[in-house]
Amino acid sequence: MLGQAVGFAFLAALSPTALVVATVLLSSADPRRSVLFFLAGGVLMTVVVGTAIFVALRAGGLQHADERDPRYCLRVALGGLAIAASLVLARRKPRPKDPGKKPNLVSRLVASPAPRTAFAAGLVVFSPSLTFIAAVQVIATAEGGVAFVAVAAVLVTTIVVALAWLPLLCYLVTPDGTTRTLKAIDGWLRVHGRAVLTASLAVGGIALVANGALGLAG
């Protein structure tokens, strides 16, 4: 069960936006502080939402052995939503850039990096994904005790916000090299980020559907 939760957490961590934001913040006047507040916002969002989902699932009794089918049906449903979202994104043509159009919320938050805006960006960027919900669902419906839940929750949270703490860790070890690498990745993501997001949604959706279907058939 822990392996499934970790797998879904890795899929949830695939966020081009998080990496772009981390790159921008590491180029700010106070990079370490900015990314730390970005990380804090991400951790808070992940923990609060994850706890709410966990409590709701436990209140619904989905951890009981006789609720096996509803557990896996939920994963199939989440996977179907992710696949549908990837198809919509793939079919939608990118809009031409409009110089007069206002930037999106995340872009506005990191335009002038400060602890408050970096924290708010973390809250927005790490809002829950379908694969994150699936990871929490695996933990909530497992038969493990308190120790299992605690270890799994810490592990999933750490993985989900990896694109906040991992760039910071690399920056602390080698600031110049990390900055150059992230800027190169940022340039690539600005061109191919849409495709990466579409692919991650599709892969996550297929994984959820396959996992749910195997569970129902088992």
N, C-alpha and C. Protein backbone atom coordinates (compact mmCIF):
# COMPACT_ATOMS: atom_id res chain seq x y z
N MET A 1 0.82 -1.20 0.00
CA MET A 1 0.00 0.00 0.00
C MET A 1 0.86 1.27 0.00
N LEU A 2 1.96 1.24 0.76
CA LEU A 2 2.83 2.40 0.82
C LEU A 2 3.44 2.68 -0.55
N GLY A 3 3.77 1.61 -1.27
CA GLY A 3 4.32 1.78 -2.62
C GLY A 3 3.34 2.46 -3.56
N GLN A 4 2.06 2.11 -3.45
CA GLN A 4 1.04 2.75 -4.28
C GLN A 4 0.92 4.23 -3.95
N ALA A 5 0.89 4.55 -2.66
CA ALA A 5 0.79 5.94 -2.24
C ALA A 5 1.98 6.76 -2.74
N VAL A 6 3.17 6.18 -2.64
CA VAL A 6 4.38 6.86 -3.10
C VAL A 6 4.34 7.07 -4.61
N GLY A 7 3.88 6.07 -5.33
CA GLY A 7 3.78 6.18 -6.78
C GLY A 7 2.85 7.30 -7.21
N PHE A 8 1.68 7.37 -6.59
CA PHE A 8 0.74 8.44 -6.90
C PHE A 8 1.31 9.80 -6.49
N ALA A 9 2.07 9.82 -5.39
CA ALA A 9 2.68 11.08 -4.94
C ALA A 9 3.70 11.58 -5.96
N PHE A 10 4.48 10.68 -6.54
CA PHE A 10 5.44 11.08 -7.57
C PHE A 10 4.73 11.68 -8.78
N LEU A 11 3.61 11.08 -9.16
CA LEU A 11 2.84 11.62 -10.28
C LEU A 11 2.29 13.00 -9.93
N ALA A 12 1.87 13.17 -8.67
CA ALA A 12 1.35 14.47 -8.23
C ALA A 12 2.44 15.53 -8.21
N ALA A 13 3.68 15.10 -8.03
CA ALA A 13 4.80 16.05 -7.94
C ALA A 13 5.22 16.60 -9.30
N LEU A 14 4.75 15.98 -10.38
CA LEU A 14 5.15 16.42 -11.73
C LEU A 14 4.41 17.70 -12.10
N SER A 15 4.95 18.82 -11.65
CA SER A 15 4.31 20.12 -11.86
C SER A 15 5.27 21.08 -12.55
N PRO A 16 5.11 21.31 -13.85
CA PRO A 16 5.96 22.29 -14.53
C PRO A 16 5.87 23.67 -13.88
N THR A 17 4.68 24.03 -13.42
CA THR A 17 4.50 25.35 -12.81
C THR A 17 5.35 25.50 -11.56
N ALA A 18 5.41 24.46 -10.73
CA ALA A 18 6.20 24.53 -9.50
C ALA A 18 7.68 24.76 -9.82
N LEU A 19 8.17 24.10 -10.86
CA LEU A 19 9.58 24.27 -11.21
C LEU A 19 9.85 25.66 -11.77
N VAL A 20 8.92 26.18 -12.56
CA VAL A 20 9.06 27.53 -13.11
C VAL A 20 9.08 28.56 -11.97
N VAL A 21 8.16 28.41 -11.02
CA VAL A 21 8.09 29.34 -9.89
C VAL A 21 9.37 29.27 -9.06
N ALA A 22 9.85 28.06 -8.79
CA ALA A 22 11.09 27.91 -8.02
C ALA A 22 12.25 28.59 -8.73
N THR A 23 12.29 28.48 -10.06
CA THR A 23 13.35 29.13 -10.84
C THR A 23 13.29 30.64 -10.69
N VAL A 24 12.08 31.19 -10.80
CA VAL A 24 11.91 32.64 -10.66
C VAL A 24 12.33 33.10 -9.28
N LEU A 25 11.91 32.37 -8.25
CA LEU A 25 12.21 32.78 -6.88
C LEU A 25 13.71 32.68 -6.56
N LEU A 26 14.37 31.69 -7.15
CA LEU A 26 15.81 31.54 -6.91
C LEU A 26 16.62 32.61 -7.64
N SER A 27 15.96 33.35 -8.52
CA SER A 27 16.63 34.46 -9.21
C SER A 27 16.29 35.80 -8.57
N SER A 28 15.56 35.77 -7.46
CA SER A 28 15.13 37.00 -6.80
C SER A 28 16.24 37.55 -5.90
N ALA A 29 15.97 38.69 -5.28
CA ALA A 29 16.97 39.34 -4.42
C ALA A 29 17.28 38.52 -3.17
N ASP A 30 16.28 37.77 -2.68
CA ASP A 30 16.47 36.95 -1.48
C ASP A 30 15.99 35.53 -1.79
N PRO A 31 16.77 34.79 -2.59
CA PRO A 31 16.30 33.50 -3.10
C PRO A 31 15.98 32.45 -2.04
N ARG A 32 16.83 32.32 -1.04
CA ARG A 32 16.61 31.27 -0.04
C ARG A 32 15.32 31.51 0.74
N ARG A 33 15.15 32.74 1.18
CA ARG A 33 13.95 33.06 1.96
C ARG A 33 12.69 32.91 1.11
N SER A 34 12.77 33.37 -0.14
CA SER A 34 11.60 33.29 -1.02
C SER A 34 11.17 31.84 -1.24
N VAL A 35 12.14 30.96 -1.53
CA VAL A 35 11.80 29.56 -1.79
C VAL A 35 11.35 28.87 -0.51
N LEU A 36 11.90 29.24 0.63
CA LEU A 36 11.45 28.66 1.90
C LEU A 36 9.98 29.00 2.16
N PHE A 37 9.58 30.22 1.87
CA PHE A 37 8.18 30.59 2.06
C PHE A 37 7.30 29.91 1.01
N PHE A 38 7.81 29.74 -0.20
CA PHE A 38 7.10 28.99 -1.23
C PHE A 38 6.88 27.55 -0.77
N LEU A 39 7.93 26.96 -0.23
CA LEU A 39 7.85 25.60 0.31
C LEU A 39 6.85 25.53 1.47
N ALA A 40 6.89 26.53 2.35
CA ALA A 40 5.97 26.54 3.50
C ALA A 40 4.52 26.58 3.04
N GLY A 41 4.24 27.40 2.03
CA GLY A 41 2.88 27.46 1.49
C GLY A 41 2.45 26.12 0.90
N GLY A 42 3.39 25.48 0.18
CA GLY A 42 3.08 24.17 -0.41
C GLY A 42 2.82 23.11 0.63
N VAL A 43 3.66 23.09 1.67
CA VAL A 43 3.49 22.10 2.73
C VAL A 43 2.16 22.32 3.46
N LEU A 44 1.84 23.58 3.76
CA LEU A 44 0.59 23.87 4.45
C LEU A 44 -0.61 23.42 3.63
N MET A 45 -0.62 23.76 2.35
CA MET A 45 -1.73 23.35 1.49
C MET A 45 -1.84 21.83 1.43
N THR A 46 -0.71 21.16 1.26
CA THR A 46 -0.71 19.70 1.15
C THR A 46 -1.20 19.04 2.43
N VAL A 47 -0.73 19.52 3.57
CA VAL A 47 -1.10 18.91 4.85
C VAL A 47 -2.58 19.17 5.17
N VAL A 48 -3.02 20.40 5.00
CA VAL A 48 -4.42 20.74 5.34
C VAL A 48 -5.40 19.98 4.45
N VAL A 49 -5.18 20.02 3.14
CA VAL A 49 -6.09 19.33 2.23
C VAL A 49 -6.00 17.82 2.41
N GLY A 50 -4.77 17.32 2.56
CA GLY A 50 -4.61 15.88 2.77
C GLY A 50 -5.31 15.40 4.03
N THR A 51 -5.21 16.18 5.10
CA THR A 51 -5.89 15.82 6.34
C THR A 51 -7.40 15.83 6.16
N ALA A 52 -7.92 16.82 5.46
CA ALA A 52 -9.36 16.91 5.24
C ALA A 52 -9.86 15.71 4.44
N ILE A 53 -9.12 15.33 3.40
CA ILE A 53 -9.51 14.18 2.59
C ILE A 53 -9.43 12.90 3.41
N PHE A 54 -8.36 12.77 4.19
CA PHE A 54 -8.18 11.59 5.04
C PHE A 54 -9.35 11.43 6.01
N VAL A 55 -9.69 12.52 6.68
CA VAL A 55 -10.79 12.48 7.66
C VAL A 55 -12.11 12.14 6.98
N ALA A 56 -12.35 12.71 5.81
CA ALA A 56 -13.60 12.45 5.09
C ALA A 56 -13.71 10.99 4.68
N LEU A 57 -12.60 10.43 4.19
CA LEU A 57 -12.61 9.02 3.76
C LEU A 57 -12.77 8.08 4.95
N ARG A 58 -12.09 8.39 6.05
CA ARG A 58 -12.24 7.55 7.24
C ARG A 58 -13.65 7.66 7.81
N ALA A 59 -14.23 8.86 7.74
CA ALA A 59 -15.61 9.04 8.23
C ALA A 59 -16.59 8.24 7.38
N GLY A 60 -16.26 8.08 6.09
CA GLY A 60 -17.11 7.29 5.21
C GLY A 60 -16.91 5.80 5.34
N GLY A 61 -15.94 5.39 6.15
CA GLY A 61 -15.72 3.97 6.40
C GLY A 61 -15.07 3.22 5.26
N LEU A 62 -14.38 3.93 4.34
CA LEU A 62 -13.80 3.25 3.19
C LEU A 62 -12.59 2.38 3.53
N GLN A 63 -12.11 2.48 4.77
CA GLN A 63 -10.98 1.64 5.16
C GLN A 63 -11.42 0.22 5.53
N HIS A 64 -12.69 -0.01 5.67
CA HIS A 64 -13.19 -1.33 6.05
C HIS A 64 -13.08 -2.32 4.89
N ALA A 65 -12.88 -3.58 5.22
CA ALA A 65 -12.67 -4.61 4.20
C ALA A 65 -13.85 -4.74 3.24
N ASP A 66 -15.07 -4.53 3.74
CA ASP A 66 -16.25 -4.70 2.88
C ASP A 66 -16.49 -3.50 1.96
N GLU A 67 -15.61 -2.50 2.03
CA GLU A 67 -15.74 -1.33 1.15
C GLU A 67 -14.68 -1.35 0.04
N ARG A 68 -14.22 -2.55 -0.29
CA ARG A 68 -13.17 -2.70 -1.30
C ARG A 68 -13.58 -2.12 -2.65
N ASP A 69 -14.77 -2.47 -3.12
CA ASP A 69 -15.21 -2.00 -4.44
C ASP A 69 -15.33 -0.48 -4.50
N PRO A 70 -15.96 0.18 -3.51
CA PRO A 70 -16.00 1.66 -3.55
C PRO A 70 -14.62 2.31 -3.59
N ARG A 71 -13.64 1.70 -2.89
CA ARG A 71 -12.29 2.26 -2.89
C ARG A 71 -11.71 2.28 -4.30
N TYR A 72 -11.81 1.13 -4.98
CA TYR A 72 -11.23 1.04 -6.31
C TYR A 72 -12.08 1.77 -7.35
N CYS A 73 -13.36 1.83 -7.14
CA CYS A 73 -14.22 2.61 -8.06
C CYS A 73 -13.84 4.09 -8.00
N LEU A 74 -13.49 4.57 -6.81
CA LEU A 74 -13.06 5.96 -6.66
C LEU A 74 -11.78 6.21 -7.45
N ARG A 75 -10.87 5.27 -7.43
CA ARG A 75 -9.62 5.45 -8.19
C ARG A 75 -9.89 5.45 -9.69
N VAL A 76 -10.80 4.58 -10.14
CA VAL A 76 -11.16 4.57 -11.56
C VAL A 76 -11.77 5.91 -11.95
N ALA A 77 -12.63 6.43 -11.09
CA ALA A 77 -13.28 7.72 -11.37
C ALA A 77 -12.25 8.85 -11.42
N LEU A 78 -11.32 8.87 -10.48
CA LEU A 78 -10.27 9.89 -10.48
C LEU A 78 -9.41 9.78 -11.74
N GLY A 79 -9.10 8.55 -12.13
CA GLY A 79 -8.32 8.34 -13.35
C GLY A 79 -9.07 8.80 -14.59
N GLY A 80 -10.37 8.53 -14.63
CA GLY A 80 -11.17 8.97 -15.76
C GLY A 80 -11.18 10.49 -15.88
N LEU A 81 -11.27 11.16 -14.74
CA LEU A 81 -11.25 12.63 -14.75
C LEU A 81 -9.91 13.16 -15.25
N ALA A 82 -8.81 12.52 -14.82
CA ALA A 82 -7.48 12.96 -15.24
C ALA A 82 -7.29 12.75 -16.74
N ILE A 83 -7.75 11.62 -17.26
CA ILE A 83 -7.64 11.36 -18.70
C ILE A 83 -8.48 12.36 -19.48
N ALA A 84 -9.70 12.62 -19.00
CA ALA A 84 -10.56 13.59 -19.67
C ALA A 84 -9.91 14.97 -19.70
N ALA A 85 -9.29 15.36 -18.58
CA ALA A 85 -8.62 16.66 -18.52
C ALA A 85 -7.46 16.72 -19.50
N SER A 86 -6.71 15.62 -19.62
CA SER A 86 -5.58 15.60 -20.55
C SER A 86 -6.07 15.70 -22.00
N LEU A 87 -7.19 15.07 -22.32
CA LEU A 87 -7.74 15.14 -23.67
C LEU A 87 -8.22 16.54 -24.00
N VAL A 88 -8.88 17.17 -23.04
CA VAL A 88 -9.34 18.55 -23.24
C VAL A 88 -8.16 19.48 -23.48
N LEU A 89 -7.11 19.30 -22.66
CA LEU A 89 -5.93 20.14 -22.79
C LEU A 89 -5.22 19.90 -24.12
N ALA A 90 -5.20 18.65 -24.56
CA ALA A 90 -4.52 18.32 -25.81
C ALA A 90 -5.28 18.87 -27.03
N ARG A 91 -6.60 18.88 -26.94
CA ARG A 91 -7.42 19.34 -28.07
C ARG A 91 -7.52 20.86 -28.14
N ARG A 92 -7.33 21.51 -27.01
CA ARG A 92 -7.48 22.96 -26.97
C ARG A 92 -6.24 23.61 -27.58
N LYS A 93 -6.44 24.44 -28.55
CA LYS A 93 -5.33 25.11 -29.20
C LYS A 93 -4.80 26.24 -28.32
N PRO A 94 -3.49 26.35 -28.22
CA PRO A 94 -2.92 27.45 -27.42
C PRO A 94 -3.35 28.80 -27.98
N ARG A 95 -3.75 29.68 -27.12
CA ARG A 95 -4.15 31.01 -27.56
C ARG A 95 -2.92 31.86 -27.87
N PRO A 96 -3.00 32.67 -28.92
CA PRO A 96 -1.86 33.56 -29.22
C PRO A 96 -1.65 34.55 -28.08
N LYS A 97 -0.41 34.88 -27.85
CA LYS A 97 -0.10 35.78 -26.75
C LYS A 97 -0.67 37.17 -27.01
N ASP A 98 -1.34 37.68 -26.01
CA ASP A 98 -1.93 39.01 -26.08
C ASP A 98 -1.16 39.92 -25.13
N PRO A 99 -0.39 40.87 -25.67
CA PRO A 99 0.41 41.75 -24.79
C PRO A 99 -0.43 42.52 -23.77
N GLY A 100 -1.70 42.76 -24.11
CA GLY A 100 -2.55 43.53 -23.21
C GLY A 100 -3.25 42.70 -22.17
N LYS A 101 -3.11 41.38 -22.27
CA LYS A 101 -3.79 40.49 -21.33
C LYS A 101 -3.05 40.44 -20.00
N LYS A 102 -3.81 40.45 -18.92
CA LYS A 102 -3.21 40.39 -17.59
C LYS A 102 -2.60 39.01 -17.36
N PRO A 103 -1.45 38.93 -16.71
CA PRO A 103 -0.86 37.62 -16.39
C PRO A 103 -1.72 36.87 -15.39
N ASN A 104 -1.54 35.54 -15.33
CA ASN A 104 -2.34 34.75 -14.40
C ASN A 104 -1.92 35.01 -12.95
N LEU A 105 -2.65 34.41 -12.03
CA LEU A 105 -2.44 34.68 -10.61
C LEU A 105 -1.03 34.34 -10.16
N VAL A 106 -0.52 33.18 -10.56
CA VAL A 106 0.81 32.77 -10.13
C VAL A 106 1.87 33.73 -10.66
N SER A 107 1.73 34.14 -11.91
CA SER A 107 2.70 35.08 -12.49
C SER A 107 2.69 36.40 -11.75
N ARG A 108 1.50 36.84 -11.35
CA ARG A 108 1.41 38.10 -10.61
C ARG A 108 2.05 37.97 -9.22
N LEU A 109 1.88 36.81 -8.61
CA LEU A 109 2.43 36.61 -7.27
C LEU A 109 3.95 36.62 -7.25
N VAL A 110 4.56 36.09 -8.29
CA VAL A 110 6.03 35.99 -8.30
C VAL A 110 6.68 37.11 -9.11
N ALA A 111 5.87 38.04 -9.61
CA ALA A 111 6.43 39.14 -10.39
C ALA A 111 7.37 39.99 -9.54
N SER A 112 6.99 40.20 -8.29
CA SER A 112 7.83 40.94 -7.34
C SER A 112 7.96 40.08 -6.09
N PRO A 113 8.87 39.11 -6.11
CA PRO A 113 8.95 38.13 -5.01
C PRO A 113 9.14 38.75 -3.64
N ALA A 114 8.35 38.28 -2.71
CA ALA A 114 8.43 38.66 -1.30
C ALA A 114 7.93 37.46 -0.50
N PRO A 115 8.28 37.36 0.78
CA PRO A 115 7.83 36.21 1.57
C PRO A 115 6.31 35.97 1.47
N ARG A 116 5.53 37.03 1.56
CA ARG A 116 4.08 36.86 1.53
C ARG A 116 3.59 36.33 0.19
N THR A 117 4.10 36.89 -0.91
CA THR A 117 3.65 36.44 -2.23
C THR A 117 4.19 35.05 -2.56
N ALA A 118 5.41 34.75 -2.09
CA ALA A 118 5.97 33.42 -2.31
C ALA A 118 5.15 32.37 -1.56
N PHE A 119 4.74 32.70 -0.34
CA PHE A 119 3.90 31.79 0.44
C PHE A 119 2.56 31.56 -0.26
N ALA A 120 1.96 32.65 -0.76
CA ALA A 120 0.69 32.54 -1.47
C ALA A 120 0.84 31.72 -2.74
N ALA A 121 1.98 31.88 -3.43
CA ALA A 121 2.23 31.09 -4.63
C ALA A 121 2.31 29.61 -4.30
N GLY A 122 2.91 29.28 -3.15
CA GLY A 122 2.97 27.89 -2.72
C GLY A 122 1.59 27.30 -2.49
N LEU A 123 0.70 28.10 -1.89
CA LEU A 123 -0.66 27.64 -1.66
C LEU A 123 -1.37 27.34 -2.98
N VAL A 124 -1.16 28.22 -3.96
CA VAL A 124 -1.85 28.07 -5.25
C VAL A 124 -1.25 26.93 -6.07
N VAL A 125 0.07 26.92 -6.20
CA VAL A 125 0.74 25.94 -7.06
C VAL A 125 0.53 24.52 -6.56
N PHE A 126 0.53 24.33 -5.23
CA PHE A 126 0.40 22.99 -4.68
C PHE A 126 -1.03 22.67 -4.24
N SER A 127 -1.99 23.31 -4.88
CA SER A 127 -3.38 22.92 -4.65
C SER A 127 -3.54 21.47 -5.10
N PRO A 128 -4.44 20.70 -4.48
CA PRO A 128 -4.47 19.25 -4.69
C PRO A 128 -4.78 18.82 -6.12
N SER A 129 -4.05 17.84 -6.58
CA SER A 129 -4.29 17.22 -7.89
C SER A 129 -5.04 15.90 -7.68
N LEU A 130 -5.51 15.32 -8.77
CA LEU A 130 -6.24 14.06 -8.68
C LEU A 130 -5.34 12.93 -8.20
N THR A 131 -4.07 12.95 -8.62
CA THR A 131 -3.16 11.90 -8.17
C THR A 131 -2.80 12.06 -6.70
N PHE A 132 -2.77 13.30 -6.21
CA PHE A 132 -2.55 13.51 -4.78
C PHE A 132 -3.73 12.97 -3.98
N ILE A 133 -4.94 13.22 -4.45
CA ILE A 133 -6.13 12.68 -3.78
C ILE A 133 -6.06 11.16 -3.74
N ALA A 134 -5.59 10.57 -4.84
CA ALA A 134 -5.47 9.11 -4.88
C ALA A 134 -4.44 8.62 -3.87
N ALA A 135 -3.33 9.35 -3.72
CA ALA A 135 -2.30 8.96 -2.74
C ALA A 135 -2.87 8.99 -1.33
N VAL A 136 -3.63 10.04 -1.01
CA VAL A 136 -4.24 10.14 0.32
C VAL A 136 -5.28 9.04 0.50
N GLN A 137 -6.00 8.73 -0.58
CA GLN A 137 -7.02 7.68 -0.49
C GLN A 137 -6.39 6.33 -0.17
N VAL A 138 -5.22 6.06 -0.75
CA VAL A 138 -4.52 4.81 -0.45
C VAL A 138 -4.17 4.75 1.03
N ILE A 139 -3.67 5.85 1.57
CA ILE A 139 -3.30 5.89 2.99
C ILE A 139 -4.54 5.73 3.88
N ALA A 140 -5.59 6.46 3.54
CA ALA A 140 -6.79 6.47 4.39
C ALA A 140 -7.50 5.13 4.40
N THR A 141 -7.39 4.38 3.31
CA THR A 141 -8.13 3.11 3.23
C THR A 141 -7.26 1.90 3.54
N ALA A 142 -6.00 2.14 3.89
CA ALA A 142 -5.12 1.03 4.26
C ALA A 142 -5.45 0.56 5.67
N GLU A 143 -5.03 -0.66 5.98
CA GLU A 143 -5.32 -1.24 7.29
C GLU A 143 -4.21 -0.99 8.30
N GLY A 144 -3.22 -0.20 7.92
CA GLY A 144 -2.10 0.09 8.82
C GLY A 144 -2.52 0.94 10.00
N GLY A 145 -1.71 0.92 11.03
CA GLY A 145 -2.00 1.69 12.23
C GLY A 145 -1.51 3.12 12.15
N VAL A 146 -1.41 3.74 13.31
CA VAL A 146 -1.01 5.14 13.39
C VAL A 146 0.39 5.36 12.82
N ALA A 147 1.30 4.45 13.12
CA ALA A 147 2.69 4.59 12.64
C ALA A 147 2.73 4.58 11.12
N PHE A 148 1.98 3.67 10.51
CA PHE A 148 1.94 3.60 9.05
C PHE A 148 1.40 4.90 8.46
N VAL A 149 0.30 5.39 9.01
CA VAL A 149 -0.32 6.62 8.51
C VAL A 149 0.65 7.79 8.63
N ALA A 150 1.34 7.90 9.77
CA ALA A 150 2.27 9.01 9.98
C ALA A 150 3.43 8.96 8.99
N VAL A 151 4.04 7.79 8.83
CA VAL A 151 5.17 7.65 7.91
C VAL A 151 4.73 7.93 6.48
N ALA A 152 3.59 7.35 6.10
CA ALA A 152 3.09 7.54 4.74
C ALA A 152 2.76 9.00 4.46
N ALA A 153 2.15 9.66 5.43
CA ALA A 153 1.77 11.07 5.25
C ALA A 153 3.00 11.95 5.06
N VAL A 154 4.03 11.73 5.89
CA VAL A 154 5.26 12.52 5.77
C VAL A 154 5.94 12.25 4.43
N LEU A 155 5.97 10.99 4.03
CA LEU A 155 6.63 10.62 2.79
C LEU A 155 5.91 11.23 1.58
N VAL A 156 4.59 11.13 1.57
CA VAL A 156 3.80 11.68 0.45
C VAL A 156 3.94 13.19 0.38
N THR A 157 3.87 13.85 1.53
CA THR A 157 4.01 15.31 1.56
C THR A 157 5.37 15.74 1.04
N THR A 158 6.41 15.04 1.48
CA THR A 158 7.77 15.37 1.05
C THR A 158 7.92 15.22 -0.46
N ILE A 159 7.34 14.18 -1.02
CA ILE A 159 7.45 13.94 -2.46
C ILE A 159 6.65 14.98 -3.25
N VAL A 160 5.44 15.26 -2.80
CA VAL A 160 4.56 16.17 -3.53
C VAL A 160 5.18 17.56 -3.67
N VAL A 161 5.86 18.03 -2.63
CA VAL A 161 6.46 19.38 -2.67
C VAL A 161 7.94 19.32 -3.06
N ALA A 162 8.36 18.25 -3.69
CA ALA A 162 9.78 18.07 -4.03
C ALA A 162 10.31 19.17 -4.94
N LEU A 163 9.46 19.69 -5.84
CA LEU A 163 9.94 20.72 -6.76
C LEU A 163 10.04 22.09 -6.10
N ALA A 164 9.83 22.14 -4.79
CA ALA A 164 10.11 23.35 -4.02
C ALA A 164 11.41 23.16 -3.23
N TRP A 165 11.53 22.04 -2.50
CA TRP A 165 12.71 21.86 -1.66
C TRP A 165 13.93 21.35 -2.42
N LEU A 166 13.71 20.57 -3.50
CA LEU A 166 14.85 20.03 -4.23
C LEU A 166 15.66 21.12 -4.95
N PRO A 167 15.02 22.07 -5.65
CA PRO A 167 15.81 23.17 -6.23
C PRO A 167 16.55 23.98 -5.17
N LEU A 168 15.90 24.19 -4.02
CA LEU A 168 16.55 24.94 -2.94
C LEU A 168 17.78 24.20 -2.43
N LEU A 169 17.64 22.89 -2.24
CA LEU A 169 18.77 22.09 -1.77
C LEU A 169 19.94 22.15 -2.75
N CYS A 170 19.61 22.02 -4.04
CA CYS A 170 20.65 22.10 -5.06
C CYS A 170 21.30 23.48 -5.07
N TYR A 171 20.49 24.50 -4.86
CA TYR A 171 21.00 25.88 -4.85
C TYR A 171 21.96 26.09 -3.69
N LEU A 172 21.67 25.50 -2.54
CA LEU A 172 22.54 25.65 -1.38
C LEU A 172 23.89 24.97 -1.61
N VAL A 173 23.89 23.91 -2.41
CA VAL A 173 25.13 23.18 -2.69
C VAL A 173 25.93 23.88 -3.78
N THR A 174 25.25 24.26 -4.86
CA THR A 174 25.93 24.90 -5.98
C THR A 174 25.02 25.97 -6.59
N PRO A 175 25.07 27.18 -6.05
CA PRO A 175 24.16 28.25 -6.48
C PRO A 175 24.23 28.57 -7.98
N ASP A 176 25.42 28.79 -8.51
CA ASP A 176 25.54 29.19 -9.91
C ASP A 176 25.11 28.08 -10.86
N GLY A 177 25.57 26.87 -10.58
CA GLY A 177 25.21 25.74 -11.44
C GLY A 177 23.73 25.47 -11.42
N THR A 178 23.11 25.55 -10.24
CA THR A 178 21.67 25.33 -10.13
C THR A 178 20.89 26.40 -10.87
N THR A 179 21.32 27.66 -10.73
CA THR A 179 20.63 28.75 -11.42
C THR A 179 20.69 28.58 -12.92
N ARG A 180 21.86 28.24 -13.45
CA ARG A 180 22.00 28.04 -14.89
C ARG A 180 21.12 26.88 -15.38
N THR A 181 21.15 25.78 -14.63
CA THR A 181 20.37 24.61 -15.03
C THR A 181 18.88 24.89 -15.00
N LEU A 182 18.43 25.54 -13.93
CA LEU A 182 17.00 25.84 -13.81
C LEU A 182 16.54 26.82 -14.87
N LYS A 183 17.37 27.78 -15.22
CA LYS A 183 16.99 28.72 -16.27
C LYS A 183 16.86 28.02 -17.61
N ALA A 184 17.74 27.05 -17.86
CA ALA A 184 17.64 26.27 -19.10
C ALA A 184 16.36 25.44 -19.12
N ILE A 185 16.06 24.81 -17.98
CA ILE A 185 14.83 24.03 -17.87
C ILE A 185 13.61 24.93 -17.99
N ASP A 186 13.69 26.10 -17.37
CA ASP A 186 12.59 27.05 -17.42
C ASP A 186 12.30 27.47 -18.86
N GLY A 187 13.34 27.74 -19.64
CA GLY A 187 13.15 28.10 -21.04
C GLY A 187 12.49 26.98 -21.82
N TRP A 188 12.89 25.75 -21.53
CA TRP A 188 12.30 24.59 -22.22
C TRP A 188 10.84 24.40 -21.82
N LEU A 189 10.55 24.57 -20.52
CA LEU A 189 9.19 24.38 -20.04
C LEU A 189 8.24 25.45 -20.56
N ARG A 190 8.73 26.65 -20.77
CA ARG A 190 7.87 27.70 -21.29
C ARG A 190 7.40 27.38 -22.71
N VAL A 191 8.17 26.54 -23.40
CA VAL A 191 7.80 26.11 -24.75
C VAL A 191 7.00 24.80 -24.72
N HIS A 192 7.43 23.88 -23.85
CA HIS A 192 6.85 22.54 -23.86
C HIS A 192 6.05 22.21 -22.60
N GLY A 193 5.86 23.18 -21.71
CA GLY A 193 5.17 22.92 -20.45
C GLY A 193 3.78 22.37 -20.64
N ARG A 194 3.06 22.87 -21.64
CA ARG A 194 1.70 22.39 -21.90
C ARG A 194 1.70 20.91 -22.24
N ALA A 195 2.65 20.50 -23.07
CA ALA A 195 2.76 19.09 -23.45
C ALA A 195 3.12 18.23 -22.25
N VAL A 196 4.02 18.74 -21.39
CA VAL A 196 4.41 18.00 -20.19
C VAL A 196 3.21 17.82 -19.26
N LEU A 197 2.43 18.88 -19.07
CA LEU A 197 1.25 18.80 -18.22
C LEU A 197 0.23 17.83 -18.78
N THR A 198 0.01 17.87 -20.09
CA THR A 198 -0.93 16.96 -20.74
C THR A 198 -0.49 15.51 -20.55
N ALA A 199 0.80 15.27 -20.76
CA ALA A 199 1.32 13.91 -20.61
C ALA A 199 1.22 13.42 -19.18
N SER A 200 1.53 14.29 -18.22
CA SER A 200 1.48 13.88 -16.81
C SER A 200 0.04 13.56 -16.39
N LEU A 201 -0.92 14.33 -16.89
CA LEU A 201 -2.33 14.04 -16.60
C LEU A 201 -2.73 12.69 -17.20
N ALA A 202 -2.29 12.45 -18.43
CA ALA A 202 -2.64 11.20 -19.10
C ALA A 202 -2.02 9.99 -18.39
N VAL A 203 -0.74 10.11 -18.06
CA VAL A 203 -0.05 9.01 -17.37
C VAL A 203 -0.69 8.75 -16.01
N GLY A 204 -0.95 9.82 -15.26
CA GLY A 204 -1.59 9.66 -13.96
C GLY A 204 -2.97 9.04 -14.07
N GLY A 205 -3.73 9.49 -15.07
CA GLY A 205 -5.07 8.94 -15.26
C GLY A 205 -5.05 7.47 -15.61
N ILE A 206 -4.15 7.10 -16.51
CA ILE A 206 -4.04 5.69 -16.91
C ILE A 206 -3.62 4.83 -15.72
N ALA A 207 -2.68 5.35 -14.92
CA ALA A 207 -2.23 4.60 -13.74
C ALA A 207 -3.38 4.40 -12.75
N LEU A 208 -4.18 5.43 -12.55
CA LEU A 208 -5.31 5.33 -11.62
C LEU A 208 -6.36 4.35 -12.13
N VAL A 209 -6.69 4.45 -13.40
CA VAL A 209 -7.70 3.54 -13.99
C VAL A 209 -7.21 2.09 -13.92
N ALA A 210 -5.94 1.89 -14.26
CA ALA A 210 -5.38 0.53 -14.24
C ALA A 210 -5.37 -0.03 -12.82
N ASN A 211 -4.96 0.79 -11.86
CA ASN A 211 -4.93 0.34 -10.48
C ASN A 211 -6.32 0.02 -9.97
N GLY A 212 -7.27 0.88 -10.28
CA GLY A 212 -8.65 0.64 -9.84
C GLY A 212 -9.25 -0.60 -10.50
N ALA A 213 -8.99 -0.77 -11.80
CA ALA A 213 -9.54 -1.91 -12.51
C ALA A 213 -8.97 -3.22 -11.99
N LEU A 214 -7.65 -3.23 -11.73
CA LEU A 214 -7.02 -4.43 -11.19
C LEU A 214 -7.57 -4.76 -9.81
N GLY A 215 -7.80 -3.73 -9.02
CA GLY A 215 -8.38 -3.94 -7.70
C GLY A 215 -9.77 -4.51 -7.74
N LEU A 216 -10.57 -4.02 -8.67
CA LEU A 216 -11.94 -4.52 -8.81
C LEU A 216 -11.96 -5.96 -9.32
N ALA A 217 -10.99 -6.27 -10.17
CA ALA A 217 -10.95 -7.61 -10.75
C ALA A 217 -10.34 -8.64 -9.81
N GLY A 218 -9.54 -8.15 -8.81
CA GLY A 218 -8.85 -9.06 -7.92
C GLY A 218 -9.72 -9.65 -6.84
